[in-house]
């Protein structure tokens, strides 16, 4: 059961609604013409930052840009959010067209990331989705965004901030975008920051997906739990130190023959510590769920193993 602990948006402090209702007892939220508390703090932060830069450089350019785009800032809508810790949240703002999915390519549209302290009701930082500074923070402190199990004795998290092989994969992905047609560093920054905010359940902490222990093709399976193409051959995992084949995972197939043009997708969910995984395979409108367990030659025959996979 979920318990309502805190609400942030129209009001930021718990007693704000009490004082507001003393003056406007019958005012409905959807009829208000006021800027809500959270949006007011966002606008105030942008104004103070623009004013500070203009005064420091003795150039009114920044404060003029703030006034120029004030209506755009005011029209921003809350799109996504995630908890960073008990007191801080990361909020993603975008235009109404993006939030309502009317824009064809939402990730390429301008958006803003807001770091907000709930206990102090204070905006700590605001970044655009083209910010190199936020990208550096995301790459170097990736586990802080993924809600890693920092209180567990054993850590199996595999991310670009703690694993050289994961960082190499991300670097290759970034270079692919930079070198692609209509690509570049700005486009690569947008694509990488499009992952934020991150759902706490999006990344697996299974040791069998740890790139420092095993080498595998991330085209078929990865730490991020998302649909991948389903191949005809099993996914092979090799020991990182010796290069020997350690185990294989059969994604499983449909009992009925499918046309070769049919594209199959499969999503894996791994147990955090044990050799157990669940895969959901999609073929057109059909879904197949498979359970994958460790096979021991001393405990089962090949026929039993074959039945388990099917």
C-alpha atoms as a PDB file:
ATOM      1  CA  UNK A   1       0.000   0.000   0.000  1.00  0.00           C
ATOM      2  CA  UNK A   2       1.294   3.448  -0.911  1.00  0.00           C
ATOM      3  CA  UNK A   3       1.008   6.281   1.601  1.00  0.00           C
ATOM      4  CA  UNK A   4       0.668   9.898   0.494  1.00  0.00           C
ATOM      5  CA  UNK A   5       3.729  11.509   2.072  1.00  0.00           C
ATOM      6  CA  UNK A   6       4.207  14.761   0.190  1.00  0.00           C
ATOM      7  CA  UNK A   7       2.703  16.745  -2.669  1.00  0.00           C
ATOM      8  CA  UNK A   8       4.766  19.209  -4.680  1.00  0.00           C
ATOM      9  CA  UNK A   9       3.359  21.390  -7.431  1.00  0.00           C
ATOM     10  CA  UNK A  10       0.522  23.744  -6.672  1.00  0.00           C
ATOM     11  CA  UNK A  11       1.953  24.135  -3.180  1.00  0.00           C
ATOM     12  CA  UNK A  12       5.471  23.369  -1.992  1.00  0.00           C
ATOM     13  CA  UNK A  13       5.073  23.397   1.791  1.00  0.00           C
ATOM     14  CA  UNK A  14       2.498  21.371   3.686  1.00  0.00           C
ATOM     15  CA  UNK A  15       0.814  24.414   5.252  1.00  0.00           C
ATOM     16  CA  UNK A  16       0.632  26.459   2.032  1.00  0.00           C
ATOM     17  CA  UNK A  17      -2.793  25.085   1.149  1.00  0.00           C
ATOM     18  CA  UNK A  18      -4.087  25.959   4.633  1.00  0.00           C
ATOM     19  CA  UNK A  19      -3.126  29.637   4.348  1.00  0.00           C
ATOM     20  CA  UNK A  20      -4.396  29.793   0.776  1.00  0.00           C
ATOM     21  CA  UNK A  21      -7.799  28.383   1.717  1.00  0.00           C
ATOM     22  CA  UNK A  22      -8.151  30.965   4.472  1.00  0.00           C
ATOM     23  CA  UNK A  23      -8.239  33.682   1.797  1.00  0.00           C
ATOM     24  CA  UNK A  24      -9.713  31.760  -1.155  1.00  0.00           C
ATOM     25  CA  UNK A  25     -11.834  28.987   0.399  1.00  0.00           C
ATOM     26  CA  UNK A  26     -13.874  28.240  -2.741  1.00  0.00           C
ATOM     27  CA  UNK A  27     -11.191  28.682  -5.394  1.00  0.00           C
ATOM     28  CA  UNK A  28     -10.756  25.648  -7.646  1.00  0.00           C
ATOM     29  CA  UNK A  29      -7.278  24.699  -8.862  1.00  0.00           C
ATOM     30  CA  UNK A  30      -8.194  24.590 -12.550  1.00  0.00           C
ATOM     31  CA  UNK A  31      -9.631  28.133 -12.384  1.00  0.00           C
ATOM     32  CA  UNK A  32      -6.551  29.720 -10.855  1.00  0.00           C
ATOM     33  CA  UNK A  33      -4.720  32.391 -12.802  1.00  0.00           C
ATOM     34  CA  UNK A  34      -1.776  32.338 -10.403  1.00  0.00           C
ATOM     35  CA  UNK A  35       1.517  30.673 -11.215  1.00  0.00           C
ATOM     36  CA  UNK A  36       1.784  27.599  -9.005  1.00  0.00           C
ATOM     37  CA  UNK A  37       4.461  27.449  -6.329  1.00  0.00           C
ATOM     38  CA  UNK A  38       6.809  25.053  -8.106  1.00  0.00           C
ATOM     39  CA  UNK A  39       6.664  26.961 -11.407  1.00  0.00           C
ATOM     40  CA  UNK A  40       7.240  30.230  -9.509  1.00  0.00           C
ATOM     41  CA  UNK A  41      10.442  28.869  -8.000  1.00  0.00           C
ATOM     42  CA  UNK A  42      11.613  27.757 -11.431  1.00  0.00           C
ATOM     43  CA  UNK A  43      10.984  31.206 -12.936  1.00  0.00           C
ATOM     44  CA  UNK A  44      12.569  32.953  -9.955  1.00  0.00           C
ATOM     45  CA  UNK A  45      15.709  30.824 -10.281  1.00  0.00           C
ATOM     46  CA  UNK A  46      16.020  31.621 -14.003  1.00  0.00           C
ATOM     47  CA  UNK A  47      15.492  35.321 -13.331  1.00  0.00           C
ATOM     48  CA  UNK A  48      18.105  35.499 -10.572  1.00  0.00           C
ATOM     49  CA  UNK A  49      20.616  33.595 -12.690  1.00  0.00           C
ATOM     50  CA  UNK A  50      20.057  35.872 -15.696  1.00  0.00           C
ATOM     51  CA  UNK A  51      20.299  38.965 -13.495  1.00  0.00           C
ATOM     52  CA  UNK A  52      23.526  37.730 -11.873  1.00  0.00           C
ATOM     53  CA  UNK A  53      25.166  37.046 -15.248  1.00  0.00           C
ATOM     54  CA  UNK A  54      24.090  40.427 -16.624  1.00  0.00           C
ATOM     55  CA  UNK A  55      25.437  42.280 -13.585  1.00  0.00           C
ATOM     56  CA  UNK A  56      28.686  40.293 -13.574  1.00  0.00           C
ATOM     57  CA  UNK A  57      29.397  40.890 -17.268  1.00  0.00           C
ATOM     58  CA  UNK A  58      27.867  44.366 -17.336  1.00  0.00           C
ATOM     59  CA  UNK A  59      25.846  43.170 -20.329  1.00  0.00           C
ATOM     60  CA  UNK A  60      22.017  43.096 -20.303  1.00  0.00           C
ATOM     61  CA  UNK A  61      21.869  40.279 -22.872  1.00  0.00           C
ATOM     62  CA  UNK A  62      20.966  37.464 -20.443  1.00  0.00           C
ATOM     63  CA  UNK A  63      18.217  39.352 -18.630  1.00  0.00           C
ATOM     64  CA  UNK A  64      16.766  40.438 -21.959  1.00  0.00           C
ATOM     65  CA  UNK A  65      16.719  36.818 -23.139  1.00  0.00           C
ATOM     66  CA  UNK A  66      14.844  35.886 -19.971  1.00  0.00           C
ATOM     67  CA  UNK A  67      12.161  38.495 -20.686  1.00  0.00           C
ATOM     68  CA  UNK A  68      12.067  37.423 -24.337  1.00  0.00           C
ATOM     69  CA  UNK A  69      11.389  33.767 -23.495  1.00  0.00           C
ATOM     70  CA  UNK A  70       9.372  34.347 -20.314  1.00  0.00           C
ATOM     71  CA  UNK A  71       6.108  33.141 -21.852  1.00  0.00           C
ATOM     72  CA  UNK A  72       7.855  29.994 -23.091  1.00  0.00           C
ATOM     73  CA  UNK A  73       9.185  29.302 -19.597  1.00  0.00           C
ATOM     74  CA  UNK A  74       5.761  29.978 -18.127  1.00  0.00           C
ATOM     75  CA  UNK A  75       4.126  27.526 -20.560  1.00  0.00           C
ATOM     76  CA  UNK A  76       6.440  24.644 -19.634  1.00  0.00           C
ATOM     77  CA  UNK A  77       4.739  21.490 -18.397  1.00  0.00           C
ATOM     78  CA  UNK A  78       6.038  18.852 -16.022  1.00  0.00           C
ATOM     79  CA  UNK A  79       6.837  15.776 -18.107  1.00  0.00           C
ATOM     80  CA  UNK A  80       8.730  13.278 -15.936  1.00  0.00           C
ATOM     81  CA  UNK A  81      10.417  13.123 -12.557  1.00  0.00           C
ATOM     82  CA  UNK A  82      12.519  10.823 -10.400  1.00  0.00           C
ATOM     83  CA  UNK A  83      13.726  10.715  -6.824  1.00  0.00           C
ATOM     84  CA  UNK A  84      17.460  11.271  -6.408  1.00  0.00           C
ATOM     85  CA  UNK A  85      17.321  10.753  -2.645  1.00  0.00           C
ATOM     86  CA  UNK A  86      14.928  11.454   0.211  1.00  0.00           C
ATOM     87  CA  UNK A  87      15.023  15.224  -0.296  1.00  0.00           C
ATOM     88  CA  UNK A  88      15.937  15.811  -3.939  1.00  0.00           C
ATOM     89  CA  UNK A  89      14.021  15.139  -7.126  1.00  0.00           C
ATOM     90  CA  UNK A  90      14.937  15.551 -10.777  1.00  0.00           C
ATOM     91  CA  UNK A  91      12.098  17.057 -12.835  1.00  0.00           C
ATOM     92  CA  UNK A  92      11.942  17.248 -16.604  1.00  0.00           C
ATOM     93  CA  UNK A  93       9.975  20.122 -18.145  1.00  0.00           C
ATOM     94  CA  UNK A  94       8.959  20.445 -21.779  1.00  0.00           C
ATOM     95  CA  UNK A  95       6.367  22.178 -23.930  1.00  0.00           C
ATOM     96  CA  UNK A  96       2.749  21.051 -23.928  1.00  0.00           C
ATOM     97  CA  UNK A  97       3.114  19.547 -27.419  1.00  0.00           C
ATOM     98  CA  UNK A  98       5.912  17.289 -26.192  1.00  0.00           C
ATOM     99  CA  UNK A  99       4.193  16.289 -22.950  1.00  0.00           C
ATOM    100  CA  UNK A 100       0.940  15.421 -24.741  1.00  0.00           C
ATOM    101  CA  UNK A 101       2.890  13.428 -27.375  1.00  0.00           C
ATOM    102  CA  UNK A 102       1.767  15.692 -30.210  1.00  0.00           C
ATOM    103  CA  UNK A 103       5.364  16.293 -31.258  1.00  0.00           C
ATOM    104  CA  UNK A 104       6.708  13.563 -33.597  1.00  0.00           C
ATOM    105  CA  UNK A 105      10.242  13.510 -32.134  1.00  0.00           C
ATOM    106  CA  UNK A 106       9.926  14.486 -28.494  1.00  0.00           C
ATOM    107  CA  UNK A 107      13.565  13.886 -27.545  1.00  0.00           C
ATOM    108  CA  UNK A 108      14.852  16.392 -30.106  1.00  0.00           C
ATOM    109  CA  UNK A 109      12.653  19.198 -28.750  1.00  0.00           C
ATOM    110  CA  UNK A 110      13.954  21.659 -26.123  1.00  0.00           C
ATOM    111  CA  UNK A 111      13.472  20.554 -22.528  1.00  0.00           C
ATOM    112  CA  UNK A 112      14.788  21.460 -19.090  1.00  0.00           C
ATOM    113  CA  UNK A 113      15.999  19.417 -16.129  1.00  0.00           C
ATOM    114  CA  UNK A 114      15.357  20.874 -12.681  1.00  0.00           C
ATOM    115  CA  UNK A 115      17.055  19.681  -9.483  1.00  0.00           C
ATOM    116  CA  UNK A 116      14.668  20.514  -6.656  1.00  0.00           C
ATOM    117  CA  UNK A 117      15.076  20.226  -2.883  1.00  0.00           C
ATOM    118  CA  UNK A 118      11.694  19.271  -1.416  1.00  0.00           C
ATOM    119  CA  UNK A 119      12.514  19.888   2.255  1.00  0.00           C
ATOM    120  CA  UNK A 120      13.789  23.427   1.621  1.00  0.00           C
ATOM    121  CA  UNK A 121      11.476  24.095  -1.349  1.00  0.00           C
ATOM    122  CA  UNK A 122      14.413  25.352  -3.365  1.00  0.00           C
ATOM    123  CA  UNK A 123      15.550  24.942  -6.971  1.00  0.00           C
ATOM    124  CA  UNK A 124      19.240  24.034  -6.915  1.00  0.00           C
ATOM    125  CA  UNK A 125      20.029  23.867 -10.638  1.00  0.00           C
ATOM    126  CA  UNK A 126      18.424  23.997 -14.070  1.00  0.00           C
ATOM    127  CA  UNK A 127      19.960  22.418 -17.170  1.00  0.00           C
ATOM    128  CA  UNK A 128      18.893  22.341 -20.796  1.00  0.00           C
ATOM    129  CA  UNK A 129      18.821  19.035 -22.654  1.00  0.00           C
ATOM    130  CA  UNK A 130      21.922  20.218 -24.543  1.00  0.00           C
ATOM    131  CA  UNK A 131      23.966  20.794 -21.376  1.00  0.00           C
ATOM    132  CA  UNK A 132      27.460  19.261 -21.482  1.00  0.00           C
ATOM    133  CA  UNK A 133      27.741  19.837 -17.731  1.00  0.00           C
ATOM    134  CA  UNK A 134      24.728  17.641 -16.992  1.00  0.00           C
ATOM    135  CA  UNK A 135      26.015  14.999 -19.408  1.00  0.00           C
ATOM    136  CA  UNK A 136      29.350  14.893 -17.559  1.00  0.00           C
ATOM    137  CA  UNK A 137      27.519  14.505 -14.243  1.00  0.00           C
ATOM    138  CA  UNK A 138      25.380  11.737 -15.699  1.00  0.00           C
ATOM    139  CA  UNK A 139      28.379   9.849 -17.098  1.00  0.00           C
ATOM    140  CA  UNK A 140      30.606  10.194 -14.029  1.00  0.00           C
ATOM    141  CA  UNK A 141      27.916   9.682 -11.362  1.00  0.00           C
ATOM    142  CA  UNK A 142      25.548   7.391 -13.204  1.00  0.00           C
ATOM    143  CA  UNK A 143      24.712   5.281 -10.146  1.00  0.00           C
ATOM    144  CA  UNK A 144      23.265   8.321  -8.363  1.00  0.00           C
ATOM    145  CA  UNK A 145      20.658   8.590 -11.123  1.00  0.00           C
ATOM    146  CA  UNK A 146      19.939   4.861 -11.316  1.00  0.00           C
ATOM    147  CA  UNK A 147      19.051   4.512  -7.629  1.00  0.00           C
ATOM    148  CA  UNK A 148      21.685   1.838  -7.027  1.00  0.00           C
ATOM    149  CA  UNK A 149      21.294  -0.364  -3.948  1.00  0.00           C
ATOM    150  CA  UNK A 150      23.910   1.500  -1.951  1.00  0.00           C
ATOM    151  CA  UNK A 151      22.877  -0.146   1.312  1.00  0.00           C
ATOM    152  CA  UNK A 152      23.535  -3.695   0.104  1.00  0.00           C
ATOM    153  CA  UNK A 153      26.760  -5.406   1.109  1.00  0.00           C
ATOM    154  CA  UNK A 154      27.417  -6.669  -2.420  1.00  0.00           C
ATOM    155  CA  UNK A 155      27.297  -4.362  -5.421  1.00  0.00           C
ATOM    156  CA  UNK A 156      26.710  -5.703  -8.921  1.00  0.00           C
ATOM    157  CA  UNK A 157      25.827  -2.418 -10.583  1.00  0.00           C
ATOM    158  CA  UNK A 158      27.313  -2.015 -14.033  1.00  0.00           C
ATOM    159  CA  UNK A 159      27.279   1.539 -15.356  1.00  0.00           C
ATOM    160  CA  UNK A 160      29.582   3.898 -17.290  1.00  0.00           C
ATOM    161  CA  UNK A 161      30.637   5.530 -14.021  1.00  0.00           C
ATOM    162  CA  UNK A 162      32.041   2.343 -12.444  1.00  0.00           C
ATOM    163  CA  UNK A 163      32.739  -0.034 -15.329  1.00  0.00           C
ATOM    164  CA  UNK A 164      35.241   0.586 -18.108  1.00  0.00           C
ATOM    165  CA  UNK A 165      33.460  -1.774 -20.509  1.00  0.00           C
ATOM    166  CA  UNK A 166      30.096  -0.061 -19.994  1.00  0.00           C
ATOM    167  CA  UNK A 167      31.779   3.308 -20.519  1.00  0.00           C
ATOM    168  CA  UNK A 168      33.346   2.017 -23.737  1.00  0.00           C
ATOM    169  CA  UNK A 169      29.920   0.922 -25.038  1.00  0.00           C
ATOM    170  CA  UNK A 170      28.440   4.327 -24.247  1.00  0.00           C
ATOM    171  CA  UNK A 171      31.410   6.080 -25.865  1.00  0.00           C
ATOM    172  CA  UNK A 172      30.914   4.056 -29.047  1.00  0.00           C
ATOM    173  CA  UNK A 173      27.205   4.899 -29.037  1.00  0.00           C
ATOM    174  CA  UNK A 174      28.016   8.583 -28.619  1.00  0.00           C
ATOM    175  CA  UNK A 175      30.573   8.534 -31.425  1.00  0.00           C
ATOM    176  CA  UNK A 176      28.047   6.809 -33.701  1.00  0.00           C
ATOM    177  CA  UNK A 177      25.620   9.691 -33.206  1.00  0.00           C
ATOM    178  CA  UNK A 178      28.354  12.308 -33.643  1.00  0.00           C
ATOM    179  CA  UNK A 179      29.512  10.746 -36.915  1.00  0.00           C
ATOM    180  CA  UNK A 180      26.027  10.068 -38.290  1.00  0.00           C
ATOM    181  CA  UNK A 181      24.258  12.223 -40.842  1.00  0.00           C
ATOM    182  CA  UNK A 182      22.498  15.168 -39.148  1.00  0.00           C
ATOM    183  CA  UNK A 183      24.381  14.183 -35.994  1.00  0.00           C
ATOM    184  CA  UNK A 184      26.963  16.029 -33.946  1.00  0.00           C
ATOM    185  CA  UNK A 185      27.918  16.587 -30.328  1.00  0.00           C
ATOM    186  CA  UNK A 186      24.733  18.498 -29.535  1.00  0.00           C
ATOM    187  CA  UNK A 187      22.543  15.747 -30.965  1.00  0.00           C
ATOM    188  CA  UNK A 188      24.537  13.121 -29.053  1.00  0.00           C
ATOM    189  CA  UNK A 189      24.041  15.079 -25.830  1.00  0.00           C
ATOM    190  CA  UNK A 190      20.289  15.220 -26.448  1.00  0.00           C
ATOM    191  CA  UNK A 191      20.076  11.493 -27.146  1.00  0.00           C
ATOM    192  CA  UNK A 192      22.023  10.534 -24.015  1.00  0.00           C
ATOM    193  CA  UNK A 193      20.163  12.951 -21.737  1.00  0.00           C
ATOM    194  CA  UNK A 194      16.862  11.660 -23.134  1.00  0.00           C
ATOM    195  CA  UNK A 195      17.332   8.725 -20.724  1.00  0.00           C
ATOM    196  CA  UNK A 196      16.682  11.088 -17.804  1.00  0.00           C
ATOM    197  CA  UNK A 197      14.731  10.861 -15.582  1.00  0.00           C
ATOM    198  CA  UNK A 198      15.361   7.150 -15.082  1.00  0.00           C
ATOM    199  CA  UNK A 199      12.882   4.690 -13.619  1.00  0.00           C
ATOM    200  CA  UNK A 200      14.312   2.856 -10.624  1.00  0.00           C
ATOM    201  CA  UNK A 201      13.339  -0.486 -12.171  1.00  0.00           C
ATOM    202  CA  UNK A 202      14.873   0.171 -15.588  1.00  0.00           C
ATOM    203  CA  UNK A 203      18.334  -1.245 -14.840  1.00  0.00           C
ATOM    204  CA  UNK A 204      19.233  -4.691 -13.598  1.00  0.00           C
ATOM    205  CA  UNK A 205      21.825  -5.313 -10.896  1.00  0.00           C
ATOM    206  CA  UNK A 206      22.281  -8.993 -11.774  1.00  0.00           C
ATOM    207  CA  UNK A 207      25.904 -10.207 -11.603  1.00  0.00           C
ATOM    208  CA  UNK A 208      25.305 -12.196 -14.803  1.00  0.00           C
ATOM    209  CA  UNK A 209      25.042  -8.897 -16.693  1.00  0.00           C
ATOM    210  CA  UNK A 210      28.151  -7.407 -15.090  1.00  0.00           C
ATOM    211  CA  UNK A 211      30.442  -6.499 -17.985  1.00  0.00           C
ATOM    212  CA  UNK A 212      33.528  -6.821 -15.782  1.00  0.00           C
ATOM    213  CA  UNK A 213      32.672 -10.515 -15.240  1.00  0.00           C
ATOM    214  CA  UNK A 214      31.138 -11.550 -18.555  1.00  0.00           C
ATOM    215  CA  UNK A 215      31.378 -10.498 -22.168  1.00  0.00           C
ATOM    216  CA  UNK A 216      28.211 -10.649 -24.271  1.00  0.00           C
ATOM    217  CA  UNK A 217      26.621  -8.927 -27.242  1.00  0.00           C
ATOM    218  CA  UNK A 218      24.590  -5.987 -25.930  1.00  0.00           C
ATOM    219  CA  UNK A 219      22.571  -6.088 -29.148  1.00  0.00           C
ATOM    220  CA  UNK A 220      20.544  -8.988 -27.702  1.00  0.00           C
ATOM    221  CA  UNK A 221      20.552  -8.246 -23.962  1.00  0.00           C
ATOM    222  CA  UNK A 222      21.778  -5.386 -21.775  1.00  0.00           C
ATOM    223  CA  UNK A 223      21.675  -4.030 -18.238  1.00  0.00           C
ATOM    224  CA  UNK A 224      18.785  -1.777 -19.227  1.00  0.00           C
ATOM    225  CA  UNK A 225      15.562  -3.756 -19.280  1.00  0.00           C
ATOM    226  CA  UNK A 226      14.131  -2.835 -22.649  1.00  0.00           C
ATOM    227  CA  UNK A 227      12.899  -4.823 -25.684  1.00  0.00           C
ATOM    228  CA  UNK A 228      15.671  -6.144 -27.915  1.00  0.00           C
ATOM    229  CA  UNK A 229      15.612  -8.055 -31.209  1.00  0.00           C
ATOM    230  CA  UNK A 230      15.107 -11.763 -30.667  1.00  0.00           C
ATOM    231  CA  UNK A 231      17.703 -13.844 -32.498  1.00  0.00           C
ATOM    232  CA  UNK A 232      17.473 -17.425 -33.654  1.00  0.00           C
ATOM    233  CA  UNK A 233      20.621 -18.440 -31.772  1.00  0.00           C
ATOM    234  CA  UNK A 234      21.212 -18.454 -28.001  1.00  0.00           C
ATOM    235  CA  UNK A 235      22.876 -15.500 -26.300  1.00  0.00           C
ATOM    236  CA  UNK A 236      26.404 -16.516 -25.313  1.00  0.00           C
ATOM    237  CA  UNK A 237      28.194 -15.228 -22.225  1.00  0.00           C
ATOM    238  CA  UNK A 238      31.992 -15.500 -22.070  1.00  0.00           C
ATOM    239  CA  UNK A 239      34.214 -15.099 -19.025  1.00  0.00           C
ATOM    240  CA  UNK A 240      35.967 -11.748 -19.153  1.00  0.00           C
ATOM    241  CA  UNK A 241      39.243 -13.090 -17.711  1.00  0.00           C
ATOM    242  CA  UNK A 242      39.631 -16.339 -19.689  1.00  0.00           C
ATOM    243  CA  UNK A 243      37.366 -15.819 -22.695  1.00  0.00           C
ATOM    244  CA  UNK A 244      35.760 -19.245 -22.206  1.00  0.00           C
ATOM    245  CA  UNK A 245      32.060 -19.783 -22.813  1.00  0.00           C
ATOM    246  CA  UNK A 246      30.351 -19.870 -19.407  1.00  0.00           C
ATOM    247  CA  UNK A 247      26.650 -20.125 -20.168  1.00  0.00           C
ATOM    248  CA  UNK A 248      23.983 -19.503 -22.782  1.00  0.00           C
ATOM    249  CA  UNK A 249      20.458 -18.118 -22.665  1.00  0.00           C
ATOM    250  CA  UNK A 250      17.835 -19.282 -25.115  1.00  0.00           C
ATOM    251  CA  UNK A 251      15.320 -16.544 -25.757  1.00  0.00           C
ATOM    252  CA  UNK A 252      12.798 -19.160 -26.876  1.00  0.00           C
ATOM    253  CA  UNK A 253      10.642 -19.150 -29.956  1.00  0.00           C
ATOM    254  CA  UNK A 254       7.063 -19.449 -30.970  1.00  0.00           C
ATOM    255  CA  UNK A 255       5.762 -22.918 -31.696  1.00  0.00           C
ATOM    256  CA  UNK A 256       4.219 -21.716 -34.925  1.00  0.00           C
ATOM    257  CA  UNK A 257       6.319 -20.871 -37.912  1.00  0.00           C
ATOM    258  CA  UNK A 258       6.531 -17.154 -38.586  1.00  0.00           C
ATOM    259  CA  UNK A 259       7.227 -15.351 -41.862  1.00  0.00           C
ATOM    260  CA  UNK A 260      10.826 -14.270 -42.208  1.00  0.00           C
ATOM    261  CA  UNK A 261       9.763 -10.619 -42.390  1.00  0.00           C
ATOM    262  CA  UNK A 262       8.227 -10.857 -38.906  1.00  0.00           C
ATOM    263  CA  UNK A 263      10.288  -9.017 -36.301  1.00  0.00           C
ATOM    264  CA  UNK A 264      10.404 -10.516 -32.843  1.00  0.00           C
ATOM    265  CA  UNK A 265      11.283  -8.537 -29.731  1.00  0.00           C
ATOM    266  CA  UNK A 266      12.188  -9.866 -26.310  1.00  0.00           C
ATOM    267  CA  UNK A 267      12.676  -8.146 -22.950  1.00  0.00           C
ATOM    268  CA  UNK A 268      14.588  -9.796 -20.094  1.00  0.00           C
ATOM    269  CA  UNK A 269      14.077  -9.252 -16.372  1.00  0.00           C
ATOM    270  CA  UNK A 270      16.897 -10.733 -14.279  1.00  0.00           C
ATOM    271  CA  UNK A 271      16.857 -11.645 -10.611  1.00  0.00           C
ATOM    272  CA  UNK A 272      19.131  -9.269  -8.643  1.00  0.00           C
ATOM    273  CA  UNK A 273      21.399 -12.080  -7.392  1.00  0.00           C
ATOM    274  CA  UNK A 274      20.186 -15.560  -8.413  1.00  0.00           C
ATOM    275  CA  UNK A 275      20.521 -17.327 -11.797  1.00  0.00           C
ATOM    276  CA  UNK A 276      16.918 -16.701 -12.789  1.00  0.00           C
ATOM    277  CA  UNK A 277      15.405 -14.540 -15.519  1.00  0.00           C
ATOM    278  CA  UNK A 278      12.014 -13.897 -17.093  1.00  0.00           C
ATOM    279  CA  UNK A 279      11.727 -13.034 -20.761  1.00  0.00           C
ATOM    280  CA  UNK A 280       8.681 -11.606 -22.508  1.00  0.00           C
ATOM    281  CA  UNK A 281       8.743 -12.179 -26.240  1.00  0.00           C
ATOM    282  CA  UNK A 282       6.526 -10.260 -28.618  1.00  0.00           C
ATOM    283  CA  UNK A 283       5.690 -11.351 -32.142  1.00  0.00           C
ATOM    284  CA  UNK A 284       3.190  -8.977 -33.738  1.00  0.00           C
ATOM    285  CA  UNK A 285       0.279  -9.040 -31.241  1.00  0.00           C
ATOM    286  CA  UNK A 286       1.311 -12.298 -29.549  1.00  0.00           C
ATOM    287  CA  UNK A 287       3.209 -12.409 -26.259  1.00  0.00           C
ATOM    288  CA  UNK A 288       5.165 -15.387 -24.915  1.00  0.00           C
ATOM    289  CA  UNK A 289       6.595 -15.513 -21.382  1.00  0.00           C
ATOM    290  CA  UNK A 290       9.589 -17.774 -20.661  1.00  0.00           C
ATOM    291  CA  UNK A 291      11.313 -18.575 -17.371  1.00  0.00           C
ATOM    292  CA  UNK A 292      15.061 -19.177 -17.485  1.00  0.00           C
ATOM    293  CA  UNK A 293      16.771 -21.107 -14.676  1.00  0.00           C
ATOM    294  CA  UNK A 294      20.262 -22.493 -14.215  1.00  0.00           C
ATOM    295  CA  UNK A 295      20.751 -25.934 -15.746  1.00  0.00           C
ATOM    296  CA  UNK A 296      23.003 -28.387 -13.932  1.00  0.00           C
ATOM    297  CA  UNK A 297      24.016 -31.553 -15.832  1.00  0.00           C
ATOM    298  CA  UNK A 298      24.129 -33.524 -12.587  1.00  0.00           C
ATOM    299  CA  UNK A 299      20.520 -32.713 -11.686  1.00  0.00           C
ATOM    300  CA  UNK A 300      18.616 -33.100 -14.944  1.00  0.00           C
ATOM    301  CA  UNK A 301      18.786 -34.884 -18.227  1.00  0.00           C
ATOM    302  CA  UNK A 302      18.936 -33.141 -21.559  1.00  0.00           C
ATOM    303  CA  UNK A 303      15.261 -33.927 -22.204  1.00  0.00           C
ATOM    304  CA  UNK A 304      14.237 -32.273 -18.939  1.00  0.00           C
ATOM    305  CA  UNK A 305      16.407 -29.296 -19.793  1.00  0.00           C
ATOM    306  CA  UNK A 306      14.791 -29.024 -23.202  1.00  0.00           C
ATOM    307  CA  UNK A 307      11.343 -29.087 -21.609  1.00  0.00           C
ATOM    308  CA  UNK A 308      12.329 -26.347 -19.180  1.00  0.00           C
ATOM    309  CA  UNK A 309      13.390 -24.062 -22.011  1.00  0.00           C
ATOM    310  CA  UNK A 310      10.189 -24.630 -23.911  1.00  0.00           C
END
